[in-house]
Amino acid sequence: QAKKIAVVVVPASHTMPDMQAYLVDEQRHD
């Protein structure tokens, strides 16, 4: 029931990329 947060870190020298994030099961099936 906790808050679940992660952070995408992009180096200062990079432009911000377009990307999707996914939460998948360990075997990456679902």
PDB file of all heavy atoms in Angstrom:
ATOM      1  N   GLN A   1       0.813  -1.222   0.000  1.00  0.00           N
ATOM      2  CA  GLN A   1       0.000   0.000   0.000  1.00  0.00           C
ATOM      3  C   GLN A   1       0.848   1.275   0.000  1.00  0.00           C
ATOM      4  O   GLN A   1       0.303   2.377   0.043  1.00  0.00           O
ATOM      5  CB  GLN A   1      -0.926   0.005   1.227  1.00  0.00           C
ATOM      6  CG  GLN A   1      -1.900  -1.161   1.270  1.00  0.00           C
ATOM      7  CD  GLN A   1      -2.844  -1.185   0.074  1.00  0.00           C
ATOM      8  OE1 GLN A   1      -3.249  -0.136  -0.433  1.00  0.00           O
ATOM      9  NE2 GLN A   1      -3.191  -2.380  -0.388  1.00  0.00           N
ATOM     10  N   ALA A   2       2.159   1.131  -0.105  1.00  0.00           N
ATOM     11  CA  ALA A   2       3.035   2.300   0.003  1.00  0.00           C
ATOM     12  C   ALA A   2       3.088   3.083  -1.304  1.00  0.00           C
ATOM     13  O   ALA A   2       2.738   2.589  -2.376  1.00  0.00           O
ATOM     14  CB  ALA A   2       4.439   1.860   0.390  1.00  0.00           C
ATOM     15  N   LYS A   3       3.571   4.309  -1.176  1.00  0.00           N
ATOM     16  CA  LYS A   3       3.918   5.099  -2.352  1.00  0.00           C
ATOM     17  C   LYS A   3       5.110   4.444  -3.030  1.00  0.00           C
ATOM     18  O   LYS A   3       6.070   4.038  -2.357  1.00  0.00           O
ATOM     19  CB  LYS A   3       4.290   6.512  -1.907  1.00  0.00           C
ATOM     20  CG  LYS A   3       4.404   7.524  -3.027  1.00  0.00           C
ATOM     21  CD  LYS A   3       3.082   8.192  -3.294  1.00  0.00           C
ATOM     22  CE  LYS A   3       3.242   9.408  -4.192  1.00  0.00           C
ATOM     23  NZ  LYS A   3       1.930   9.926  -4.629  1.00  0.00           N
ATOM     24  N   LYS A   4       5.043   4.326  -4.349  1.00  0.00           N
ATOM     25  CA  LYS A   4       6.106   3.639  -5.094  1.00  0.00           C
ATOM     26  C   LYS A   4       6.618   4.597  -6.161  1.00  0.00           C
ATOM     27  O   LYS A   4       5.946   4.855  -7.155  1.00  0.00           O
ATOM     28  CB  LYS A   4       5.569   2.349  -5.721  1.00  0.00           C
ATOM     29  CG  LYS A   4       4.938   1.393  -4.710  1.00  0.00           C
ATOM     30  CD  LYS A   4       4.239   0.242  -5.385  1.00  0.00           C
ATOM     31  CE  LYS A   4       3.461  -0.593  -4.375  1.00  0.00           C
ATOM     32  NZ  LYS A   4       2.264   0.112  -3.849  1.00  0.00           N
ATOM     33  N   ILE A   5       7.808   5.092  -5.909  1.00  0.00           N
ATOM     34  CA  ILE A   5       8.393   6.108  -6.781  1.00  0.00           C
ATOM     35  C   ILE A   5       9.781   5.666  -7.221  1.00  0.00           C
ATOM     36  O   ILE A   5      10.561   5.131  -6.430  1.00  0.00           O
ATOM     37  CB  ILE A   5       8.470   7.476  -6.061  1.00  0.00           C
ATOM     38  CG1 ILE A   5       7.063   8.080  -5.924  1.00  0.00           C
ATOM     39  CG2 ILE A   5       9.392   8.443  -6.784  1.00  0.00           C
ATOM     40  CD1 ILE A   5       7.048   9.377  -5.147  1.00  0.00           C
ATOM     41  N   ALA A   6      10.082   5.887  -8.482  1.00  0.00           N
ATOM     42  CA  ALA A   6      11.435   5.755  -9.020  1.00  0.00           C
ATOM     43  C   ALA A   6      11.732   7.024  -9.808  1.00  0.00           C
ATOM     44  O   ALA A   6      10.834   7.823 -10.098  1.00  0.00           O
ATOM     45  CB  ALA A   6      11.554   4.515  -9.893  1.00  0.00           C
ATOM     46  N   VAL A   7      12.993   7.220 -10.150  1.00  0.00           N
ATOM     47  CA  VAL A   7      13.407   8.449 -10.822  1.00  0.00           C
ATOM     48  C   VAL A   7      14.235   8.103 -12.050  1.00  0.00           C
ATOM     49  O   VAL A   7      15.213   7.341 -11.957  1.00  0.00           O
ATOM     50  CB  VAL A   7      14.238   9.351  -9.876  1.00  0.00           C
ATOM     51  CG1 VAL A   7      14.655  10.636 -10.581  1.00  0.00           C
ATOM     52  CG2 VAL A   7      13.443   9.663  -8.602  1.00  0.00           C
ATOM     53  N   VAL A   8      13.837   8.637 -13.205  1.00  0.00           N
ATOM     54  CA  VAL A   8      14.648   8.539 -14.418  1.00  0.00           C
ATOM     55  C   VAL A   8      15.664   9.672 -14.372  1.00  0.00           C
ATOM     56  O   VAL A   8      15.296  10.838 -14.244  1.00  0.00           O
ATOM     57  CB  VAL A   8      13.800   8.648 -15.691  1.00  0.00           C
ATOM     58  CG1 VAL A   8      14.687   8.593 -16.933  1.00  0.00           C
ATOM     59  CG2 VAL A   8      12.760   7.531 -15.736  1.00  0.00           C
ATOM     60  N   VAL A   9      16.940   9.326 -14.456  1.00  0.00           N
ATOM     61  CA  VAL A   9      18.011  10.319 -14.374  1.00  0.00           C
ATOM     62  C   VAL A   9      18.686  10.432 -15.739  1.00  0.00           C
ATOM     63  O   VAL A   9      19.174   9.436 -16.291  1.00  0.00           O
ATOM     64  CB  VAL A   9      19.053   9.931 -13.311  1.00  0.00           C
ATOM     65  CG1 VAL A   9      20.144  11.000 -13.218  1.00  0.00           C
ATOM     66  CG2 VAL A   9      18.383   9.734 -11.956  1.00  0.00           C
ATOM     67  N   VAL A  10      18.692  11.650 -16.271  1.00  0.00           N
ATOM     68  CA  VAL A  10      19.305  11.928 -17.564  1.00  0.00           C
ATOM     69  C   VAL A  10      20.473  12.885 -17.326  1.00  0.00           C
ATOM     70  O   VAL A  10      20.292  13.949 -16.721  1.00  0.00           O
ATOM     71  CB  VAL A  10      18.300  12.556 -18.545  1.00  0.00           C
ATOM     72  CG1 VAL A  10      18.966  12.841 -19.888  1.00  0.00           C
ATOM     73  CG2 VAL A  10      17.088  11.650 -18.727  1.00  0.00           C
ATOM     74  N   PRO A  11      21.678  12.536 -17.750  1.00  0.00           N
ATOM     75  CA  PRO A  11      22.827  13.417 -17.519  1.00  0.00           C
ATOM     76  C   PRO A  11      22.599  14.827 -18.053  1.00  0.00           C
ATOM     77  O   PRO A  11      21.886  15.031 -19.054  1.00  0.00           O
ATOM     78  CB  PRO A  11      23.965  12.720 -18.269  1.00  0.00           C
ATOM     79  CG  PRO A  11      23.565  11.282 -18.295  1.00  0.00           C
ATOM     80  CD  PRO A  11      22.069  11.280 -18.425  1.00  0.00           C
ATOM     81  N   ALA A  12      23.232  15.777 -17.397  1.00  0.00           N
ATOM     82  CA  ALA A  12      23.046  17.184 -17.758  1.00  0.00           C
ATOM     83  C   ALA A  12      23.409  17.463 -19.210  1.00  0.00           C
ATOM     84  O   ALA A  12      22.825  18.353 -19.844  1.00  0.00           O
ATOM     85  CB  ALA A  12      23.880  18.068 -16.837  1.00  0.00           C
ATOM     86  N   SER A  13      24.338  16.694 -19.751  1.00  0.00           N
ATOM     87  CA  SER A  13      24.806  16.937 -21.117  1.00  0.00           C
ATOM     88  C   SER A  13      23.859  16.373 -22.177  1.00  0.00           C
ATOM     89  O   SER A  13      24.056  16.602 -23.369  1.00  0.00           O
ATOM     90  CB  SER A  13      26.189  16.316 -21.308  1.00  0.00           C
ATOM     91  OG  SER A  13      26.151  14.922 -21.031  1.00  0.00           O
ATOM     92  N   HIS A  14      22.836  15.628 -21.766  1.00  0.00           N
ATOM     93  CA  HIS A  14      21.924  14.984 -22.706  1.00  0.00           C
ATOM     94  C   HIS A  14      20.656  15.814 -22.899  1.00  0.00           C
ATOM     95  O   HIS A  14      20.244  16.555 -22.009  1.00  0.00           O
ATOM     96  CB  HIS A  14      21.511  13.605 -22.197  1.00  0.00           C
ATOM     97  CG  HIS A  14      22.595  12.576 -22.270  1.00  0.00           C
ATOM     98  ND1 HIS A  14      23.879  12.801 -21.827  1.00  0.00           N
ATOM     99  CD2 HIS A  14      22.575  11.287 -22.710  1.00  0.00           C
ATOM    100  CE1 HIS A  14      24.607  11.709 -21.998  1.00  0.00           C
ATOM    101  NE2 HIS A  14      23.834  10.770 -22.530  1.00  0.00           N
ATOM    102  N   THR A  15      20.031  15.652 -24.041  1.00  0.00           N
ATOM    103  CA  THR A  15      18.677  16.158 -24.224  1.00  0.00           C
ATOM    104  C   THR A  15      17.706  15.147 -23.635  1.00  0.00           C
ATOM    105  O   THR A  15      17.995  13.947 -23.569  1.00  0.00           O
ATOM    106  CB  THR A  15      18.357  16.379 -25.715  1.00  0.00           C
ATOM    107  OG1 THR A  15      18.548  15.141 -26.407  1.00  0.00           O
ATOM    108  CG2 THR A  15      19.262  17.444 -26.312  1.00  0.00           C
ATOM    109  N   MET A  16      16.564  15.614 -23.194  1.00  0.00           N
ATOM    110  CA  MET A  16      15.596  14.721 -22.577  1.00  0.00           C
ATOM    111  C   MET A  16      14.989  13.811 -23.638  1.00  0.00           C
ATOM    112  O   MET A  16      14.392  14.282 -24.606  1.00  0.00           O
ATOM    113  CB  MET A  16      14.501  15.501 -21.860  1.00  0.00           C
ATOM    114  CG  MET A  16      14.854  15.830 -20.425  1.00  0.00           C
ATOM    115  SD  MET A  16      16.198  17.033 -20.277  1.00  0.00           S
ATOM    116  CE  MET A  16      15.311  18.526 -20.634  1.00  0.00           C
ATOM    117  N   PRO A  17      15.136  12.488 -23.491  1.00  0.00           N
ATOM    118  CA  PRO A  17      14.619  11.565 -24.500  1.00  0.00           C
ATOM    119  C   PRO A  17      13.126  11.324 -24.330  1.00  0.00           C
ATOM    120  O   PRO A  17      12.568  11.502 -23.248  1.00  0.00           O
ATOM    121  CB  PRO A  17      15.407  10.276 -24.210  1.00  0.00           C
ATOM    122  CG  PRO A  17      15.655  10.345 -22.735  1.00  0.00           C
ATOM    123  CD  PRO A  17      15.850  11.799 -22.407  1.00  0.00           C
ATOM    124  N   ASP A  18      12.483  10.930 -25.422  1.00  0.00           N
ATOM    125  CA  ASP A  18      11.101  10.468 -25.352  1.00  0.00           C
ATOM    126  C   ASP A  18      11.139   8.979 -25.035  1.00  0.00           C
ATOM    127  O   ASP A  18      11.813   8.209 -25.728  1.00  0.00           O
ATOM    128  CB  ASP A  18      10.380  10.703 -26.674  1.00  0.00           C
ATOM    129  CG  ASP A  18      10.208  12.189 -26.971  1.00  0.00           C
ATOM    130  OD1 ASP A  18       9.998  12.950 -26.010  1.00  0.00           O
ATOM    131  OD2 ASP A  18      10.314  12.577 -28.147  1.00  0.00           O
ATOM    132  N   MET A  19      10.441   8.559 -24.017  1.00  0.00           N
ATOM    133  CA  MET A  19      10.464   7.146 -23.655  1.00  0.00           C
ATOM    134  C   MET A  19       9.224   6.795 -22.871  1.00  0.00           C
ATOM    135  O   MET A  19       8.554   7.658 -22.294  1.00  0.00           O
ATOM    136  CB  MET A  19      11.726   6.804 -22.855  1.00  0.00           C
ATOM    137  CG  MET A  19      11.860   7.508 -21.530  1.00  0.00           C
ATOM    138  SD  MET A  19      13.353   7.004 -20.629  1.00  0.00           S
ATOM    139  CE  MET A  19      14.616   7.732 -21.675  1.00  0.00           C
ATOM    140  N   GLN A  20       8.912   5.526 -22.857  1.00  0.00           N
ATOM    141  CA  GLN A  20       7.850   4.965 -22.035  1.00  0.00           C
ATOM    142  C   GLN A  20       8.479   4.177 -20.897  1.00  0.00           C
ATOM    143  O   GLN A  20       9.581   3.641 -21.033  1.00  0.00           O
ATOM    144  CB  GLN A  20       6.967   4.028 -22.872  1.00  0.00           C
ATOM    145  CG  GLN A  20       6.086   4.726 -23.896  1.00  0.00           C
ATOM    146  CD  GLN A  20       4.712   5.046 -23.337  1.00  0.00           C
ATOM    147  OE1 GLN A  20       4.339   4.562 -22.269  1.00  0.00           O
ATOM    148  NE2 GLN A  20       3.959   5.863 -24.043  1.00  0.00           N
ATOM    149  N   ALA A  21       7.783   4.110 -19.790  1.00  0.00           N
ATOM    150  CA  ALA A  21       8.209   3.293 -18.657  1.00  0.00           C
ATOM    151  C   ALA A  21       7.178   2.207 -18.420  1.00  0.00           C
ATOM    152  O   ALA A  21       5.969   2.426 -18.610  1.00  0.00           O
ATOM    153  CB  ALA A  21       8.363   4.159 -17.410  1.00  0.00           C
ATOM    154  N   TYR A  22       7.657   1.043 -18.021  1.00  0.00           N
ATOM    155  CA  TYR A  22       6.779  -0.113 -17.822  1.00  0.00           C
ATOM    156  C   TYR A  22       7.169  -0.818 -16.525  1.00  0.00           C
ATOM    157  O   TYR A  22       8.356  -0.986 -16.221  1.00  0.00           O
ATOM    158  CB  TYR A  22       6.918  -1.117 -18.973  1.00  0.00           C
ATOM    159  CG  TYR A  22       6.705  -0.540 -20.349  1.00  0.00           C
ATOM    160  CD1 TYR A  22       7.781  -0.014 -21.064  1.00  0.00           C
ATOM    161  CD2 TYR A  22       5.449  -0.516 -20.924  1.00  0.00           C
ATOM    162  CE1 TYR A  22       7.612   0.520 -22.332  1.00  0.00           C
ATOM    163  CE2 TYR A  22       5.255   0.006 -22.198  1.00  0.00           C
ATOM    164  CZ  TYR A  22       6.335   0.524 -22.898  1.00  0.00           C
ATOM    165  OH  TYR A  22       6.152   1.041 -24.151  1.00  0.00           O
ATOM    166  N   LEU A  23       6.168  -1.266 -15.782  1.00  0.00           N
ATOM    167  CA  LEU A  23       6.386  -2.164 -14.653  1.00  0.00           C
ATOM    168  C   LEU A  23       5.987  -3.560 -15.110  1.00  0.00           C
ATOM    169  O   LEU A  23       4.827  -3.793 -15.486  1.00  0.00           O
ATOM    170  CB  LEU A  23       5.546  -1.748 -13.450  1.00  0.00           C
ATOM    171  CG  LEU A  23       5.709  -2.616 -12.199  1.00  0.00           C
ATOM    172  CD1 LEU A  23       7.092  -2.429 -11.585  1.00  0.00           C
ATOM    173  CD2 LEU A  23       4.631  -2.301 -11.158  1.00  0.00           C
ATOM    174  N   VAL A  24       6.938  -4.482 -15.115  1.00  0.00           N
ATOM    175  CA  VAL A  24       6.685  -5.833 -15.607  1.00  0.00           C
ATOM    176  C   VAL A  24       7.065  -6.844 -14.529  1.00  0.00           C
ATOM    177  O   VAL A  24       7.840  -6.540 -13.620  1.00  0.00           O
ATOM    178  CB  VAL A  24       7.480  -6.122 -16.901  1.00  0.00           C
ATOM    179  CG1 VAL A  24       7.099  -5.143 -18.004  1.00  0.00           C
ATOM    180  CG2 VAL A  24       8.990  -6.069 -16.644  1.00  0.00           C
ATOM    181  N   ASP A  25       6.491  -8.053 -14.639  1.00  0.00           N
ATOM    182  CA  ASP A  25       6.895  -9.093 -13.712  1.00  0.00           C
ATOM    183  C   ASP A  25       8.355  -9.483 -13.985  1.00  0.00           C
ATOM    184  O   ASP A  25       8.917  -9.138 -15.033  1.00  0.00           O
ATOM    185  CB  ASP A  25       5.974 -10.312 -13.815  1.00  0.00           C
ATOM    186  CG  ASP A  25       6.075 -10.989 -15.152  1.00  0.00           C
ATOM    187  OD1 ASP A  25       5.479 -10.462 -16.128  1.00  0.00           O
ATOM    188  OD2 ASP A  25       6.767 -12.007 -15.253  1.00  0.00           O
ATOM    189  N   GLU A  26       8.961 -10.207 -13.061  1.00  0.00           N
ATOM    190  CA  GLU A  26      10.400 -10.472 -13.138  1.00  0.00           C
ATOM    191  C   GLU A  26      10.808 -11.112 -14.456  1.00  0.00           C
ATOM    192  O   GLU A  26      11.872 -10.816 -15.002  1.00  0.00           O
ATOM    193  CB  GLU A  26      10.824 -11.361 -11.970  1.00  0.00           C
ATOM    194  CG  GLU A  26      12.325 -11.615 -11.901  1.00  0.00           C
ATOM    195  CD  GLU A  26      12.734 -12.423 -10.695  1.00  0.00           C
ATOM    196  OE1 GLU A  26      11.854 -12.867  -9.933  1.00  0.00           O
ATOM    197  OE2 GLU A  26      13.948 -12.593 -10.495  1.00  0.00           O
ATOM    198  N   GLN A  27       9.953 -11.994 -15.006  1.00  0.00           N
ATOM    199  CA  GLN A  27      10.283 -12.667 -16.266  1.00  0.00           C
ATOM    200  C   GLN A  27       9.881 -11.852 -17.490  1.00  0.00           C
ATOM    201  O   GLN A  27      10.039 -12.295 -18.624  1.00  0.00           O
ATOM    202  CB  GLN A  27       9.599 -14.039 -16.332  1.00  0.00           C
ATOM    203  CG  GLN A  27      10.236 -15.104 -15.437  1.00  0.00           C
ATOM    204  CD  GLN A  27       9.958 -14.871 -13.962  1.00  0.00           C
ATOM    205  OE1 GLN A  27       8.866 -14.440 -13.601  1.00  0.00           O
ATOM    206  NE2 GLN A  27      10.945 -15.125 -13.114  1.00  0.00           N
ATOM    207  N   ARG A  28       9.300 -10.647 -17.245  1.00  0.00           N
ATOM    208  CA  ARG A  28       8.900  -9.711 -18.305  1.00  0.00           C
ATOM    209  C   ARG A  28       7.778 -10.276 -19.176  1.00  0.00           C
ATOM    210  O   ARG A  28       7.686  -9.989 -20.365  1.00  0.00           O
ATOM    211  CB  ARG A  28      10.096  -9.324 -19.189  1.00  0.00           C
ATOM    212  CG  ARG A  28      11.321  -8.869 -18.410  1.00  0.00           C
ATOM    213  CD  ARG A  28      12.402  -8.359 -19.317  1.00  0.00           C
ATOM    214  NE  ARG A  28      13.712  -8.487 -18.703  1.00  0.00           N
ATOM    215  CZ  ARG A  28      14.837  -8.025 -19.229  1.00  0.00           C
ATOM    216  NH1 ARG A  28      14.830  -7.421 -20.395  1.00  0.00           N
ATOM    217  NH2 ARG A  28      15.993  -8.182 -18.619  1.00  0.00           N
ATOM    218  N   HIS A  29       6.892 -11.054 -18.580  1.00  0.00           N
ATOM    219  CA  HIS A  29       5.773 -11.603 -19.333  1.00  0.00           C
ATOM    220  C   HIS A  29       4.569 -10.672 -19.321  1.00  0.00           C
ATOM    221  O   HIS A  29       3.853 -10.553 -20.323  1.00  0.00           O
ATOM    222  CB  HIS A  29       5.363 -12.966 -18.754  1.00  0.00           C
ATOM    223  CG  HIS A  29       6.413 -14.019 -18.949  1.00  0.00           C
ATOM    224  ND1 HIS A  29       6.554 -15.101 -18.088  1.00  0.00           N
ATOM    225  CD2 HIS A  29       7.386 -14.157 -19.869  1.00  0.00           C
ATOM    226  CE1 HIS A  29       7.556 -15.861 -18.495  1.00  0.00           C
ATOM    227  NE2 HIS A  29       8.085 -15.293 -19.564  1.00  0.00           N
ATOM    228  N   ASP A  30       4.309 -10.050 -18.181  1.00  0.00           N
ATOM    229  CA  ASP A  30       3.110  -9.227 -18.026  1.00  0.00           C
ATOM    230  C   ASP A  30       3.486  -7.806 -17.643  1.00  0.00           C
ATOM    231  O   ASP A  30       4.401  -7.574 -16.863  1.00  0.00           O
ATOM    232  CB  ASP A  30       2.204  -9.806 -16.933  1.00  0.00           C
ATOM    233  CG  ASP A  30       1.719 -11.203 -17.278  1.00  0.00           C
ATOM    234  OD1 ASP A  30       1.329 -11.419 -18.441  1.00  0.00           O
ATOM    235  OD2 ASP A  30       1.745 -12.074 -16.381  1.00  0.00           O
TER     236      ASP A  30
END
